[in-house]
C-alpha atoms as a PDB file:
ATOM      1  CA  UNK A   1     136.441 140.228  90.429  1.00  0.00           C
ATOM      2  CA  UNK A   2     137.447 142.165  93.521  1.00  0.00           C
ATOM      3  CA  UNK A   3     136.674 140.803  96.983  1.00  0.00           C
ATOM      4  CA  UNK A   4     133.919 143.379  97.346  1.00  0.00           C
ATOM      5  CA  UNK A   5     132.358 142.403  94.009  1.00  0.00           C
ATOM      6  CA  UNK A   6     132.470 138.704  94.949  1.00  0.00           C
ATOM      7  CA  UNK A   7     130.798 139.428  98.289  1.00  0.00           C
ATOM      8  CA  UNK A   8     128.094 141.451  96.521  1.00  0.00           C
ATOM      9  CA  UNK A   9     127.519 138.620  94.011  1.00  0.00           C
ATOM     10  CA  UNK A  10     127.085 136.116  96.844  1.00  0.00           C
ATOM     11  CA  UNK A  11     124.547 138.426  98.499  1.00  0.00           C
ATOM     12  CA  UNK A  12     122.551 138.764  95.272  1.00  0.00           C
ATOM     13  CA  UNK A  13     122.616 134.993  94.768  1.00  0.00           C
ATOM     14  CA  UNK A  14     121.445 134.455  98.347  1.00  0.00           C
ATOM     15  CA  UNK A  15     118.577 136.917  97.866  1.00  0.00           C
ATOM     16  CA  UNK A  16     117.478 135.030  94.752  1.00  0.00           C
ATOM     17  CA  UNK A  17     117.718 131.735  96.634  1.00  0.00           C
ATOM     18  CA  UNK A  18     115.621 132.962  99.566  1.00  0.00           C
ATOM     19  CA  UNK A  19     113.088 134.340  97.096  1.00  0.00           C
ATOM     20  CA  UNK A  20     112.804 130.919  95.430  1.00  0.00           C
ATOM     21  CA  UNK A  21     114.177 132.335  92.189  1.00  0.00           C
ATOM     22  CA  UNK A  22     116.370 129.262  91.807  1.00  0.00           C
ATOM     23  CA  UNK A  23     117.235 129.757  88.145  1.00  0.00           C
ATOM     24  CA  UNK A  24     118.421 133.310  88.842  1.00  0.00           C
ATOM     25  CA  UNK A  25     120.449 132.133  91.850  1.00  0.00           C
ATOM     26  CA  UNK A  26     122.047 129.409  89.744  1.00  0.00           C
ATOM     27  CA  UNK A  27     123.156 131.927  87.101  1.00  0.00           C
ATOM     28  CA  UNK A  28     124.668 134.214  89.727  1.00  0.00           C
ATOM     29  CA  UNK A  29     126.622 131.370  91.316  1.00  0.00           C
ATOM     30  CA  UNK A  30     127.796 130.323  87.850  1.00  0.00           C
ATOM     31  CA  UNK A  31     129.082 133.860  87.267  1.00  0.00           C
ATOM     32  CA  UNK A  32     131.107 133.549  90.478  1.00  0.00           C
ATOM     33  CA  UNK A  33     132.551 130.162  89.474  1.00  0.00           C
ATOM     34  CA  UNK A  34     133.591 131.603  86.108  1.00  0.00           C
ATOM     35  CA  UNK A  35     135.700 134.178  87.927  1.00  0.00           C
ATOM     36  CA  UNK A  36     136.869 132.361  91.068  1.00  0.00           C
ATOM     37  CA  UNK A  37     135.964 128.632  90.701  1.00  0.00           C
ATOM     38  CA  UNK A  38     135.283 128.559  94.461  1.00  0.00           C
ATOM     39  CA  UNK A  39     133.811 125.485  96.203  1.00  0.00           C
ATOM     40  CA  UNK A  40     131.229 127.778  97.861  1.00  0.00           C
ATOM     41  CA  UNK A  41     129.873 128.841  94.469  1.00  0.00           C
ATOM     42  CA  UNK A  42     129.668 125.219  93.281  1.00  0.00           C
ATOM     43  CA  UNK A  43     127.701 124.374  96.440  1.00  0.00           C
ATOM     44  CA  UNK A  44     125.458 127.349  95.646  1.00  0.00           C
ATOM     45  CA  UNK A  45     124.805 125.911  92.177  1.00  0.00           C
ATOM     46  CA  UNK A  46     123.984 122.522  93.753  1.00  0.00           C
ATOM     47  CA  UNK A  47     121.492 124.086  96.188  1.00  0.00           C
ATOM     48  CA  UNK A  48     119.935 126.118  93.347  1.00  0.00           C
ATOM     49  CA  UNK A  49     119.506 122.941  91.303  1.00  0.00           C
ATOM     50  CA  UNK A  50     117.878 121.255  94.285  1.00  0.00           C
ATOM     51  CA  UNK A  51     115.231 123.961  94.079  1.00  0.00           C
ATOM     52  CA  UNK A  52     114.555 123.018  90.448  1.00  0.00           C
ATOM     53  CA  UNK A  53     114.437 119.269  91.107  1.00  0.00           C
ATOM     54  CA  UNK A  54     110.836 118.822  89.979  1.00  0.00           C
ATOM     55  CA  UNK A  55     111.185 120.810  86.767  1.00  0.00           C
ATOM     56  CA  UNK A  56     114.668 121.103  85.280  1.00  0.00           C
ATOM     57  CA  UNK A  57     117.326 119.039  87.018  1.00  0.00           C
ATOM     58  CA  UNK A  58     117.850 115.525  88.356  1.00  0.00           C
ATOM     59  CA  UNK A  59     119.509 114.449  91.605  1.00  0.00           C
ATOM     60  CA  UNK A  60     122.596 113.460  89.576  1.00  0.00           C
ATOM     61  CA  UNK A  61     123.028 117.082  88.447  1.00  0.00           C
ATOM     62  CA  UNK A  62     122.948 118.296  92.054  1.00  0.00           C
ATOM     63  CA  UNK A  63     125.613 115.877  93.267  1.00  0.00           C
ATOM     64  CA  UNK A  64     127.838 116.540  90.261  1.00  0.00           C
ATOM     65  CA  UNK A  65     128.177 120.071  91.661  1.00  0.00           C
ATOM     66  CA  UNK A  66     128.891 118.854  95.193  1.00  0.00           C
ATOM     67  CA  UNK A  67     131.541 116.443  93.853  1.00  0.00           C
ATOM     68  CA  UNK A  68     133.041 119.275  91.769  1.00  0.00           C
ATOM     69  CA  UNK A  69     133.253 121.459  94.887  1.00  0.00           C
ATOM     70  CA  UNK A  70     135.164 118.710  96.731  1.00  0.00           C
ATOM     71  CA  UNK A  71     137.871 118.605  94.048  1.00  0.00           C
ATOM     72  CA  UNK A  72     138.749 122.296  94.359  1.00  0.00           C
ATOM     73  CA  UNK A  73     139.965 122.739  97.929  1.00  0.00           C
ATOM     74  CA  UNK A  74     141.053 119.844 100.161  1.00  0.00           C
ATOM     75  CA  UNK A  75     140.612 121.828 103.375  1.00  0.00           C
ATOM     76  CA  UNK A  76     136.903 122.397 102.756  1.00  0.00           C
ATOM     77  CA  UNK A  77     135.806 118.816 102.039  1.00  0.00           C
ATOM     78  CA  UNK A  78     134.210 118.367 105.483  1.00  0.00           C
ATOM     79  CA  UNK A  79     132.275 121.604 105.138  1.00  0.00           C
ATOM     80  CA  UNK A  80     131.100 120.650 101.642  1.00  0.00           C
ATOM     81  CA  UNK A  81     129.950 117.229 102.842  1.00  0.00           C
ATOM     82  CA  UNK A  82     128.136 118.892 105.725  1.00  0.00           C
ATOM     83  CA  UNK A  83     126.193 121.290 103.497  1.00  0.00           C
ATOM     84  CA  UNK A  84     125.371 118.413 101.131  1.00  0.00           C
ATOM     85  CA  UNK A  85     123.971 116.306 103.986  1.00  0.00           C
ATOM     86  CA  UNK A  86     122.039 119.171 105.567  1.00  0.00           C
ATOM     87  CA  UNK A  87     120.447 120.459 102.389  1.00  0.00           C
ATOM     88  CA  UNK A  88     119.670 116.890 101.292  1.00  0.00           C
ATOM     89  CA  UNK A  89     117.816 116.257 104.546  1.00  0.00           C
ATOM     90  CA  UNK A  90     115.771 119.424 104.050  1.00  0.00           C
ATOM     91  CA  UNK A  91     114.964 118.437 100.467  1.00  0.00           C
ATOM     92  CA  UNK A  92     113.913 114.964 101.614  1.00  0.00           C
ATOM     93  CA  UNK A  93     111.619 116.499 104.239  1.00  0.00           C
ATOM     94  CA  UNK A  94     109.959 118.542 101.488  1.00  0.00           C
ATOM     95  CA  UNK A  95     109.705 115.467  99.261  1.00  0.00           C
ATOM     96  CA  UNK A  96     108.043 113.472 102.047  1.00  0.00           C
ATOM     97  CA  UNK A  97     105.661 116.379 102.550  1.00  0.00           C
ATOM     98  CA  UNK A  98     104.795 116.059  98.851  1.00  0.00           C
ATOM     99  CA  UNK A  99     104.451 112.271  99.130  1.00  0.00           C
ATOM    100  CA  UNK A 100     101.935 112.614 101.951  1.00  0.00           C
ATOM    101  CA  UNK A 101      99.933 115.276 100.119  1.00  0.00           C
ATOM    102  CA  UNK A 102      99.750 113.110  97.003  1.00  0.00           C
ATOM    103  CA  UNK A 103      98.367 110.149  98.954  1.00  0.00           C
ATOM    104  CA  UNK A 104      95.078 108.754  97.775  1.00  0.00           C
ATOM    105  CA  UNK A 105      93.062 110.187 100.639  1.00  0.00           C
ATOM    106  CA  UNK A 106      93.201 113.747 101.993  1.00  0.00           C
ATOM    107  CA  UNK A 107      90.908 113.126 104.942  1.00  0.00           C
ATOM    108  CA  UNK A 108      91.401 115.348 107.980  1.00  0.00           C
ATOM    109  CA  UNK A 109      92.426 112.441 110.172  1.00  0.00           C
ATOM    110  CA  UNK A 110      95.150 111.410 107.731  1.00  0.00           C
ATOM    111  CA  UNK A 111      96.466 114.968 107.525  1.00  0.00           C
ATOM    112  CA  UNK A 112      96.723 115.106 111.323  1.00  0.00           C
ATOM    113  CA  UNK A 113      98.795 111.922 111.279  1.00  0.00           C
ATOM    114  CA  UNK A 114     100.892 113.348 108.442  1.00  0.00           C
ATOM    115  CA  UNK A 115     101.559 116.512 110.422  1.00  0.00           C
ATOM    116  CA  UNK A 116     102.683 114.424 113.399  1.00  0.00           C
ATOM    117  CA  UNK A 117     104.983 112.365 111.164  1.00  0.00           C
ATOM    118  CA  UNK A 118     106.533 115.467 109.631  1.00  0.00           C
ATOM    119  CA  UNK A 119     107.123 116.866 113.114  1.00  0.00           C
ATOM    120  CA  UNK A 120     109.090 113.678 113.838  1.00  0.00           C
ATOM    121  CA  UNK A 121     111.113 114.155 110.652  1.00  0.00           C
ATOM    122  CA  UNK A 122     111.853 117.801 111.484  1.00  0.00           C
ATOM    123  CA  UNK A 123     112.930 116.802 114.984  1.00  0.00           C
ATOM    124  CA  UNK A 124     115.274 114.146 113.640  1.00  0.00           C
ATOM    125  CA  UNK A 125     116.579 116.516 111.000  1.00  0.00           C
ATOM    126  CA  UNK A 126     117.340 119.287 113.493  1.00  0.00           C
ATOM    127  CA  UNK A 127     119.835 117.009 115.234  1.00  0.00           C
ATOM    128  CA  UNK A 128     122.074 116.851 112.168  1.00  0.00           C
ATOM    129  CA  UNK A 129     122.338 120.597 111.511  1.00  0.00           C
ATOM    130  CA  UNK A 130     125.631 122.187 112.508  1.00  0.00           C
ATOM    131  CA  UNK A 131     126.292 125.745 113.588  1.00  0.00           C
ATOM    132  CA  UNK A 132     128.147 127.560 110.782  1.00  0.00           C
ATOM    133  CA  UNK A 133     126.665 131.041 111.173  1.00  0.00           C
ATOM    134  CA  UNK A 134     128.631 133.703 109.375  1.00  0.00           C
ATOM    135  CA  UNK A 135     130.308 131.414 106.833  1.00  0.00           C
ATOM    136  CA  UNK A 136     129.443 131.500 103.122  1.00  0.00           C
ATOM    137  CA  UNK A 137     128.573 127.781 103.212  1.00  0.00           C
ATOM    138  CA  UNK A 138     126.303 128.340 106.210  1.00  0.00           C
ATOM    139  CA  UNK A 139     124.553 131.233 104.483  1.00  0.00           C
ATOM    140  CA  UNK A 140     123.917 129.167 101.343  1.00  0.00           C
ATOM    141  CA  UNK A 141     122.534 126.262 103.402  1.00  0.00           C
ATOM    142  CA  UNK A 142     120.329 128.596 105.445  1.00  0.00           C
ATOM    143  CA  UNK A 143     118.904 130.205 102.298  1.00  0.00           C
ATOM    144  CA  UNK A 144     118.113 126.773 100.884  1.00  0.00           C
ATOM    145  CA  UNK A 145     116.355 125.664 104.090  1.00  0.00           C
ATOM    146  CA  UNK A 146     113.907 128.574 103.861  1.00  0.00           C
ATOM    147  CA  UNK A 147     113.272 128.105 100.122  1.00  0.00           C
ATOM    148  CA  UNK A 148     112.772 124.385  99.517  1.00  0.00           C
ATOM    149  CA  UNK A 149     109.144 123.380  98.965  1.00  0.00           C
ATOM    150  CA  UNK A 150     107.573 121.194  96.297  1.00  0.00           C
ATOM    151  CA  UNK A 151     103.933 121.435  97.405  1.00  0.00           C
ATOM    152  CA  UNK A 152     103.286 124.140  94.809  1.00  0.00           C
ATOM    153  CA  UNK A 153     103.072 121.362  92.207  1.00  0.00           C
ATOM    154  CA  UNK A 154      99.742 120.273  93.714  1.00  0.00           C
ATOM    155  CA  UNK A 155      96.536 122.253  93.292  1.00  0.00           C
ATOM    156  CA  UNK A 156      92.786 121.678  93.094  1.00  0.00           C
ATOM    157  CA  UNK A 157      93.082 120.712  89.421  1.00  0.00           C
ATOM    158  CA  UNK A 158      95.762 118.057  89.902  1.00  0.00           C
ATOM    159  CA  UNK A 159      94.417 114.719  88.704  1.00  0.00           C
ATOM    160  CA  UNK A 160      94.810 111.428  90.570  1.00  0.00           C
ATOM    161  CA  UNK A 161      97.135 110.140  87.814  1.00  0.00           C
ATOM    162  CA  UNK A 162      99.340 113.238  88.138  1.00  0.00           C
ATOM    163  CA  UNK A 163      99.445 112.815  91.924  1.00  0.00           C
ATOM    164  CA  UNK A 164     100.516 109.190  91.582  1.00  0.00           C
ATOM    165  CA  UNK A 165     103.236 110.235  89.150  1.00  0.00           C
ATOM    166  CA  UNK A 166     104.499 112.919  91.563  1.00  0.00           C
ATOM    167  CA  UNK A 167     104.348 110.428  94.430  1.00  0.00           C
ATOM    168  CA  UNK A 168     106.439 107.858  92.534  1.00  0.00           C
ATOM    169  CA  UNK A 169     108.929 110.502  91.383  1.00  0.00           C
ATOM    170  CA  UNK A 170     109.380 111.822  94.937  1.00  0.00           C
ATOM    171  CA  UNK A 171     110.111 108.334  96.319  1.00  0.00           C
ATOM    172  CA  UNK A 172     112.643 107.752  93.514  1.00  0.00           C
ATOM    173  CA  UNK A 173     114.369 111.062  94.301  1.00  0.00           C
ATOM    174  CA  UNK A 174     114.674 110.175  97.995  1.00  0.00           C
ATOM    175  CA  UNK A 175     116.358 106.865  97.068  1.00  0.00           C
ATOM    176  CA  UNK A 176     118.702 108.667  94.651  1.00  0.00           C
ATOM    177  CA  UNK A 177     119.710 111.210  97.283  1.00  0.00           C
ATOM    178  CA  UNK A 178     120.467 108.456  99.797  1.00  0.00           C
ATOM    179  CA  UNK A 179     122.650 106.651  97.238  1.00  0.00           C
ATOM    180  CA  UNK A 180     124.562 109.800  96.327  1.00  0.00           C
ATOM    181  CA  UNK A 181     125.197 110.717  99.972  1.00  0.00           C
ATOM    182  CA  UNK A 182     126.743 107.276 100.499  1.00  0.00           C
ATOM    183  CA  UNK A 183     129.090 107.900  97.558  1.00  0.00           C
ATOM    184  CA  UNK A 184     129.863 111.533  98.387  1.00  0.00           C
ATOM    185  CA  UNK A 185     130.764 111.388 102.073  1.00  0.00           C
ATOM    186  CA  UNK A 186     134.289 110.306 102.948  1.00  0.00           C
ATOM    187  CA  UNK A 187     135.021 112.404 106.058  1.00  0.00           C
ATOM    188  CA  UNK A 188     131.765 113.360 107.809  1.00  0.00           C
ATOM    189  CA  UNK A 189     130.839 109.720 108.507  1.00  0.00           C
ATOM    190  CA  UNK A 190     129.208 110.403 111.882  1.00  0.00           C
ATOM    191  CA  UNK A 191     126.988 113.084 110.342  1.00  0.00           C
ATOM    192  CA  UNK A 192     126.187 110.720 107.469  1.00  0.00           C
ATOM    193  CA  UNK A 193     125.172 108.038 109.996  1.00  0.00           C
ATOM    194  CA  UNK A 194     122.786 110.516 111.654  1.00  0.00           C
ATOM    195  CA  UNK A 195     121.436 111.408 108.216  1.00  0.00           C
ATOM    196  CA  UNK A 196     120.649 107.775 107.412  1.00  0.00           C
ATOM    197  CA  UNK A 197     119.117 107.186 110.866  1.00  0.00           C
ATOM    198  CA  UNK A 198     116.832 110.218 110.423  1.00  0.00           C
ATOM    199  CA  UNK A 199     115.977 109.116 106.896  1.00  0.00           C
ATOM    200  CA  UNK A 200     115.122 105.585 108.029  1.00  0.00           C
ATOM    201  CA  UNK A 201     112.855 106.968 110.729  1.00  0.00           C
ATOM    202  CA  UNK A 202     111.027 109.359 108.411  1.00  0.00           C
ATOM    203  CA  UNK A 203     110.753 106.730 105.655  1.00  0.00           C
ATOM    204  CA  UNK A 204     109.163 104.311 108.114  1.00  0.00           C
ATOM    205  CA  UNK A 205     106.672 106.979 109.233  1.00  0.00           C
ATOM    206  CA  UNK A 206     105.612 107.800 105.683  1.00  0.00           C
ATOM    207  CA  UNK A 207     105.571 104.315 104.156  1.00  0.00           C
ATOM    208  CA  UNK A 208     104.547 102.097 107.079  1.00  0.00           C
ATOM    209  CA  UNK A 209     103.177 103.904 110.123  1.00  0.00           C
ATOM    210  CA  UNK A 210     100.862 106.435 108.457  1.00  0.00           C
ATOM    211  CA  UNK A 211      99.251 103.982 105.969  1.00  0.00           C
ATOM    212  CA  UNK A 212      98.811 101.362 108.711  1.00  0.00           C
ATOM    213  CA  UNK A 213      97.285 103.817 111.182  1.00  0.00           C
ATOM    214  CA  UNK A 214      95.027 105.140 108.428  1.00  0.00           C
ATOM    215  CA  UNK A 215      93.836 101.601 107.669  1.00  0.00           C
ATOM    216  CA  UNK A 216      93.287 100.943 111.386  1.00  0.00           C
ATOM    217  CA  UNK A 217      91.212 104.103 111.665  1.00  0.00           C
ATOM    218  CA  UNK A 218      89.129 103.113 108.625  1.00  0.00           C
ATOM    219  CA  UNK A 219      88.496  99.671 110.118  1.00  0.00           C
ATOM    220  CA  UNK A 220      87.502 101.099 113.488  1.00  0.00           C
ATOM    221  CA  UNK A 221      85.162 103.544 111.754  1.00  0.00           C
ATOM    222  CA  UNK A 222      83.551 100.672 109.855  1.00  0.00           C
ATOM    223  CA  UNK A 223      83.201  98.639 113.065  1.00  0.00           C
ATOM    224  CA  UNK A 224      81.571 101.598 114.797  1.00  0.00           C
ATOM    225  CA  UNK A 225      79.048 101.943 111.944  1.00  0.00           C
ATOM    226  CA  UNK A 226      78.180  98.242 112.137  1.00  0.00           C
ATOM    227  CA  UNK A 227      77.640  98.454 115.907  1.00  0.00           C
ATOM    228  CA  UNK A 228      75.399 101.485 115.426  1.00  0.00           C
ATOM    229  CA  UNK A 229      73.210  99.727 112.851  1.00  0.00           C
ATOM    230  CA  UNK A 230      73.024  96.640 115.077  1.00  0.00           C
ATOM    231  CA  UNK A 231      71.731  98.707 117.977  1.00  0.00           C
ATOM    232  CA  UNK A 232      69.436 100.718 115.725  1.00  0.00           C
ATOM    233  CA  UNK A 233      67.722  97.598 114.343  1.00  0.00           C
ATOM    234  CA  UNK A 234      67.251  95.930 117.740  1.00  0.00           C
ATOM    235  CA  UNK A 235      65.732  99.105 119.216  1.00  0.00           C
ATOM    236  CA  UNK A 236      63.818 100.710 116.362  1.00  0.00           C
ATOM    237  CA  UNK A 237      62.621  97.537 114.561  1.00  0.00           C
ATOM    238  CA  UNK A 238      60.262  96.329 117.318  1.00  0.00           C
ATOM    239  CA  UNK A 239      59.066  99.876 118.044  1.00  0.00           C
ATOM    240  CA  UNK A 240      58.099 100.429 114.411  1.00  0.00           C
ATOM    241  CA  UNK A 241      56.396  97.009 114.291  1.00  0.00           C
ATOM    242  CA  UNK A 242      54.302  97.669 117.403  1.00  0.00           C
ATOM    243  CA  UNK A 243      53.325 101.141 116.198  1.00  0.00           C
ATOM    244  CA  UNK A 244      52.178  99.739 112.843  1.00  0.00           C
ATOM    245  CA  UNK A 245      50.221  96.953 114.568  1.00  0.00           C
ATOM    246  CA  UNK A 246      48.435  99.320 116.961  1.00  0.00           C
ATOM    247  CA  UNK A 247      47.611 101.753 114.160  1.00  0.00           C
ATOM    248  CA  UNK A 248      46.181  99.167 111.800  1.00  0.00           C
ATOM    249  CA  UNK A 249      44.352  96.671 113.990  1.00  0.00           C
ATOM    250  CA  UNK A 250      41.925  97.092 116.851  1.00  0.00           C
ATOM    251  CA  UNK A 251      42.014  93.483 118.023  1.00  0.00           C
ATOM    252  CA  UNK A 252      44.753  90.932 118.508  1.00  0.00           C
ATOM    253  CA  UNK A 253      44.700  87.724 116.465  1.00  0.00           C
ATOM    254  CA  UNK A 254      47.115  84.872 115.896  1.00  0.00           C
ATOM    255  CA  UNK A 255      48.348  86.034 112.493  1.00  0.00           C
ATOM    256  CA  UNK A 256      49.347  89.453 113.780  1.00  0.00           C
ATOM    257  CA  UNK A 257      51.117  88.006 116.808  1.00  0.00           C
ATOM    258  CA  UNK A 258      52.956  85.557 114.546  1.00  0.00           C
ATOM    259  CA  UNK A 259      54.014  88.397 112.199  1.00  0.00           C
ATOM    260  CA  UNK A 260      55.293  90.464 115.129  1.00  0.00           C
ATOM    261  CA  UNK A 261      57.274  87.521 116.522  1.00  0.00           C
ATOM    262  CA  UNK A 262      58.820  86.832 113.118  1.00  0.00           C
ATOM    263  CA  UNK A 263      59.666  90.522 112.799  1.00  0.00           C
ATOM    264  CA  UNK A 264      61.318  90.573 116.221  1.00  0.00           C
ATOM    265  CA  UNK A 265      63.352  87.458 115.379  1.00  0.00           C
ATOM    266  CA  UNK A 266      64.514  88.999 112.100  1.00  0.00           C
ATOM    267  CA  UNK A 267      65.534  92.161 113.952  1.00  0.00           C
ATOM    268  CA  UNK A 268      67.604  90.077 116.377  1.00  0.00           C
ATOM    269  CA  UNK A 269      69.202  88.117 113.521  1.00  0.00           C
ATOM    270  CA  UNK A 270      70.181  91.206 111.532  1.00  0.00           C
ATOM    271  CA  UNK A 271      71.325  93.034 114.656  1.00  0.00           C
ATOM    272  CA  UNK A 272      73.626  90.129 115.524  1.00  0.00           C
ATOM    273  CA  UNK A 273      74.956  90.041 111.972  1.00  0.00           C
ATOM    274  CA  UNK A 274      75.999  93.683 112.241  1.00  0.00           C
ATOM    275  CA  UNK A 275      77.463  93.161 115.729  1.00  0.00           C
ATOM    276  CA  UNK A 276      79.453  90.093 114.618  1.00  0.00           C
ATOM    277  CA  UNK A 277      80.788  92.013 111.614  1.00  0.00           C
ATOM    278  CA  UNK A 278      81.829  94.806 113.970  1.00  0.00           C
ATOM    279  CA  UNK A 279      83.706  92.307 116.151  1.00  0.00           C
ATOM    280  CA  UNK A 280      85.454  90.802 113.118  1.00  0.00           C
ATOM    281  CA  UNK A 281      86.530  94.231 111.806  1.00  0.00           C
ATOM    282  CA  UNK A 282      87.700  95.299 115.282  1.00  0.00           C
ATOM    283  CA  UNK A 283      89.828  92.148 115.500  1.00  0.00           C
ATOM    284  CA  UNK A 284      91.435  93.039 112.137  1.00  0.00           C
ATOM    285  CA  UNK A 285      92.224  96.555 113.406  1.00  0.00           C
ATOM    286  CA  UNK A 286      93.693  95.160 116.656  1.00  0.00           C
ATOM    287  CA  UNK A 287      95.866  92.730 114.685  1.00  0.00           C
ATOM    288  CA  UNK A 288      97.169  95.532 112.440  1.00  0.00           C
ATOM    289  CA  UNK A 289      98.053  97.633 115.478  1.00  0.00           C
ATOM    290  CA  UNK A 290      99.729  94.666 117.164  1.00  0.00           C
ATOM    291  CA  UNK A 291     101.804  93.839 114.065  1.00  0.00           C
ATOM    292  CA  UNK A 292     102.839  97.490 113.703  1.00  0.00           C
ATOM    293  CA  UNK A 293     104.022  97.608 117.320  1.00  0.00           C
ATOM    294  CA  UNK A 294     105.852  94.309 116.849  1.00  0.00           C
ATOM    295  CA  UNK A 295     107.611  95.470 113.665  1.00  0.00           C
ATOM    296  CA  UNK A 296     108.718  98.758 115.194  1.00  0.00           C
ATOM    297  CA  UNK A 297     109.795  97.337 118.565  1.00  0.00           C
ATOM    298  CA  UNK A 298     113.575  97.536 119.202  1.00  0.00           C
ATOM    299  CA  UNK A 299     115.263  94.137 119.177  1.00  0.00           C
ATOM    300  CA  UNK A 300     118.971  94.988 118.859  1.00  0.00           C
ATOM    301  CA  UNK A 301     121.283  97.656 120.267  1.00  0.00           C
ATOM    302  CA  UNK A 302     124.874  98.600 119.479  1.00  0.00           C
ATOM    303  CA  UNK A 303     127.034  98.244 122.602  1.00  0.00           C
ATOM    304  CA  UNK A 304     129.308 101.078 121.423  1.00  0.00           C
ATOM    305  CA  UNK A 305     127.035 103.890 120.184  1.00  0.00           C
ATOM    306  CA  UNK A 306     123.719 102.801 121.727  1.00  0.00           C
ATOM    307  CA  UNK A 307     121.838 102.788 118.392  1.00  0.00           C
ATOM    308  CA  UNK A 308     118.605 100.782 118.529  1.00  0.00           C
ATOM    309  CA  UNK A 309     117.378  98.594 115.670  1.00  0.00           C
ATOM    310  CA  UNK A 310     113.775  97.552 115.190  1.00  0.00           C
ATOM    311  CA  UNK A 311     112.435  94.173 114.147  1.00  0.00           C
ATOM    312  CA  UNK A 312     111.846  95.376 110.576  1.00  0.00           C
ATOM    313  CA  UNK A 313     115.403  96.698 110.161  1.00  0.00           C
ATOM    314  CA  UNK A 314     118.479  94.800 108.956  1.00  0.00           C
ATOM    315  CA  UNK A 315     121.658  95.125 111.059  1.00  0.00           C
ATOM    316  CA  UNK A 316     124.580  96.781 109.240  1.00  0.00           C
ATOM    317  CA  UNK A 317     128.090  96.645 110.663  1.00  0.00           C
ATOM    318  CA  UNK A 318     129.678  99.733 109.073  1.00  0.00           C
ATOM    319  CA  UNK A 319     129.669 103.390 110.154  1.00  0.00           C
ATOM    320  CA  UNK A 320     129.244 103.167 113.932  1.00  0.00           C
ATOM    321  CA  UNK A 321     129.141 106.758 115.235  1.00  0.00           C
ATOM    322  CA  UNK A 322     131.447 105.702 118.093  1.00  0.00           C
ATOM    323  CA  UNK A 323     134.031 104.601 115.507  1.00  0.00           C
ATOM    324  CA  UNK A 324     134.688 101.392 113.640  1.00  0.00           C
ATOM    325  CA  UNK A 325     131.881  98.872 113.230  1.00  0.00           C
ATOM    326  CA  UNK A 326     128.692  98.277 115.214  1.00  0.00           C
ATOM    327  CA  UNK A 327     128.642  95.524 117.832  1.00  0.00           C
ATOM    328  CA  UNK A 328     125.005  94.421 117.928  1.00  0.00           C
ATOM    329  CA  UNK A 329     123.442  92.714 120.934  1.00  0.00           C
ATOM    330  CA  UNK A 330     119.959  91.210 120.973  1.00  0.00           C
ATOM    331  CA  UNK A 331     117.615  92.771 123.515  1.00  0.00           C
ATOM    332  CA  UNK A 332     115.681  90.568 125.896  1.00  0.00           C
ATOM    333  CA  UNK A 333     112.011  90.298 124.983  1.00  0.00           C
ATOM    334  CA  UNK A 334     109.455  90.997 127.669  1.00  0.00           C
END
């Protein structure tokens, strides 16, 4: 193939990638590898396979292509690792999007929390993207960023069992990608550290923060309902009793007064039951919020790179972004 023909083939493959025609893009990149065996084309195949992750290929197939690309040209290993990390982060963002959408509840409040969590993930992810405009690798990565989305696998007819299956599969894929990145990266260690930090943050949002906040909101809603019924009974119960008494009887006697008193007492008893239940549920919600804040509060910091660790995270010595190993110091509690 001439240089012009190769350039044209890359453009056609990119068009297919941006159009989410991943199978077509894969075939075009394979045609290029058959003629040139370039690392760029192998990365193109990997990105194309990422697009078919839910239907045709597994994470292992994707990283086989990235590993193959690394063996071809020593001088491009850093660039290959970079595109692998960047596209993997974008795929993980899409997988987390799918995980949230396949959650048991699709209430509006939960979706608002999910949107906020995804905004956090996108923000973290944007810090690990490098500027490679104009390069073939950069073009392939950019095309993948605009194309990746797995939400199309959910529709109005998707059953709860199917959603659970998708949810489990997406979590498994995220774990696989993390494992493969650890094995793949040998040069871009700082970028890999940022990748894992962003992944930890997004994983915590999706698996801990969102479910906990959703549970807190449910508890507070239940407490609010109990308080409402408590007030309703204490106000409306006596009013209804008096109205019935006035409508039915023209004179006051002991039996009617006794019945009204008993009715008022019962209203007070039931009202207090609802109010006490509301207090108990509110205490549960407060405790959940307190434990969430405690778990996610920083308790260690690396003296070299400044990385903060939370109470629910395990300190790891390797891969300090400032070089060498982390030197952790416990933070003073206030």
